């Protein structure tokens, strides 16, 4: 569809590997990206799940590591529940079986005109 998308630097399906690589290899993974970058819980699709957080810089990632690691652990086990929506029962069947995951995505670059 040729819609512009921010670069996805890495996707993890293993929580321990995500934590290890972000803690000890973020500089290698992000390879000179502009900031902020965004950590996203792949399996949390509703905005109300608050499944995305900005990372302002490598220093911010380092300095905030304890809270970021807690966020990753919490979101890894969290499952969406659109309880207030009419489609909740059907959507919960889908979101309940989505495997947890985490990705790191770069900022959106606004493309020049056509």
Protein backbone atom coordinates (compact mmCIF):
# COMPACT_ATOMS: atom_id res chain seq x y z
CA UNK A 1 0.00 0.00 0.00
CA UNK A 2 3.10 2.23 0.15
CA UNK A 3 1.98 3.96 3.35
CA UNK A 4 5.03 5.34 5.12
CA UNK A 5 5.90 3.50 8.33
CA UNK A 6 8.47 4.10 11.03
CA UNK A 7 11.36 1.66 11.06
CA UNK A 8 10.97 -1.38 13.32
CA UNK A 9 14.39 -2.08 14.83
CA UNK A 10 13.65 -5.35 16.60
CA UNK A 11 10.77 -7.67 17.56
CA UNK A 12 10.98 -10.08 20.48
CA UNK A 13 8.75 -13.02 21.35
CA UNK A 14 10.91 -14.03 24.33
CA UNK A 15 10.69 -11.71 27.35
CA UNK A 16 14.05 -12.65 28.86
CA UNK A 17 15.80 -12.03 25.53
CA UNK A 18 14.02 -8.67 25.10
CA UNK A 19 15.09 -7.54 28.56
CA UNK A 20 18.67 -8.74 28.09
CA UNK A 21 19.09 -7.18 24.64
CA UNK A 22 17.52 -3.86 25.59
CA UNK A 23 19.51 -3.62 28.79
CA UNK A 24 22.87 -4.58 27.29
CA UNK A 25 22.56 -4.02 23.55
CA UNK A 26 20.29 -1.03 22.95
CA UNK A 27 23.04 1.04 21.37
CA UNK A 28 23.77 -1.72 18.84
CA UNK A 29 20.05 -2.28 18.10
CA UNK A 30 19.15 1.36 17.68
CA UNK A 31 22.24 2.11 15.61
CA UNK A 32 22.14 5.88 15.57
CA UNK A 33 18.36 6.27 15.33
CA UNK A 34 16.75 9.60 15.97
CA UNK A 35 14.83 9.73 19.22
CA UNK A 36 12.33 9.23 20.60
CA UNK A 37 11.91 5.57 19.78
CA UNK A 38 8.94 3.61 21.05
CA UNK A 39 8.63 0.35 22.95
CA UNK A 40 5.40 -1.39 21.95
CA UNK A 41 3.67 -4.44 23.32
CA UNK A 42 2.82 -6.27 20.10
CA UNK A 43 -0.16 -8.11 21.59
CA UNK A 44 -1.86 -5.05 23.10
CA UNK A 45 -3.87 -3.52 20.29
CA UNK A 46 -6.26 -1.24 22.20
CA UNK A 47 -5.03 2.21 23.14
CA UNK A 48 -6.60 1.82 26.57
CA UNK A 49 -4.02 -0.91 27.28
CA UNK A 50 -1.29 1.74 27.22
CA UNK A 51 0.95 -0.70 25.37
CA UNK A 52 3.42 1.90 24.03
CA UNK A 53 5.99 4.05 25.80
CA UNK A 54 8.45 6.58 24.39
CA UNK A 55 12.17 6.25 25.00
CA UNK A 56 13.68 9.73 24.76
CA UNK A 57 17.33 8.71 24.46
CA UNK A 58 19.80 5.93 25.22
CA UNK A 59 20.60 7.77 28.48
CA UNK A 60 16.89 7.79 29.35
CA UNK A 61 16.70 4.04 28.71
CA UNK A 62 19.68 3.47 30.99
CA UNK A 63 18.53 5.87 33.72
CA UNK A 64 14.91 4.61 33.68
CA UNK A 65 15.78 0.94 33.25
CA UNK A 66 14.15 -0.30 36.49
CA UNK A 67 10.76 1.20 35.60
CA UNK A 68 11.03 0.15 31.93
CA UNK A 69 11.82 -3.43 32.94
CA UNK A 70 8.80 -3.46 35.29
CA UNK A 71 6.63 -2.09 32.46
CA UNK A 72 7.85 -4.84 30.10
CA UNK A 73 7.12 -7.56 32.68
CA UNK A 74 3.68 -6.17 33.47
CA UNK A 75 2.65 -5.72 29.85
CA UNK A 76 4.00 -9.15 28.89
CA UNK A 77 1.43 -10.85 31.11
CA UNK A 78 -1.37 -8.29 30.52
CA UNK A 79 -4.24 -9.18 28.17
CA UNK A 80 -6.59 -6.66 26.62
CA UNK A 81 -10.25 -6.61 27.57
CA UNK A 82 -12.52 -4.30 25.62
CA UNK A 83 -15.27 -4.90 28.19
CA UNK A 84 -17.14 -1.67 27.40
CA UNK A 85 -17.41 -2.35 23.66
CA UNK A 86 -20.13 -4.42 21.97
CA UNK A 87 -17.47 -6.57 20.28
CA UNK A 88 -15.66 -7.40 23.54
CA UNK A 89 -16.52 -11.12 23.63
CA UNK A 90 -15.39 -11.69 20.03
CA UNK A 91 -12.26 -9.56 20.31
CA UNK A 92 -11.24 -11.11 23.63
CA UNK A 93 -11.23 -14.52 21.93
CA UNK A 94 -8.66 -13.13 19.48
CA UNK A 95 -6.54 -11.09 21.87
CA UNK A 96 -6.43 -13.90 24.44
CA UNK A 97 -4.47 -16.08 22.01
CA UNK A 98 -2.09 -13.45 20.62
CA UNK A 99 1.41 -14.37 21.73
CA UNK A 100 3.03 -11.65 23.80
CA UNK A 101 5.77 -9.68 22.20
CA UNK A 102 7.72 -6.44 22.31
CA UNK A 103 9.10 -4.28 19.55
CA UNK A 104 11.13 -1.12 19.33
CA UNK A 105 10.15 1.30 16.58
CA UNK A 106 11.70 4.52 15.40
CA UNK A 107 10.05 7.90 15.07
CA UNK A 108 7.81 8.73 12.15
CA UNK A 109 9.43 10.78 9.42
CA UNK A 110 6.89 12.93 7.62
CA UNK A 111 7.48 12.32 3.93
CA UNK A 112 7.81 15.12 1.44
CA UNK A 113 4.84 15.73 -0.83
CA UNK A 114 3.97 13.52 -3.81
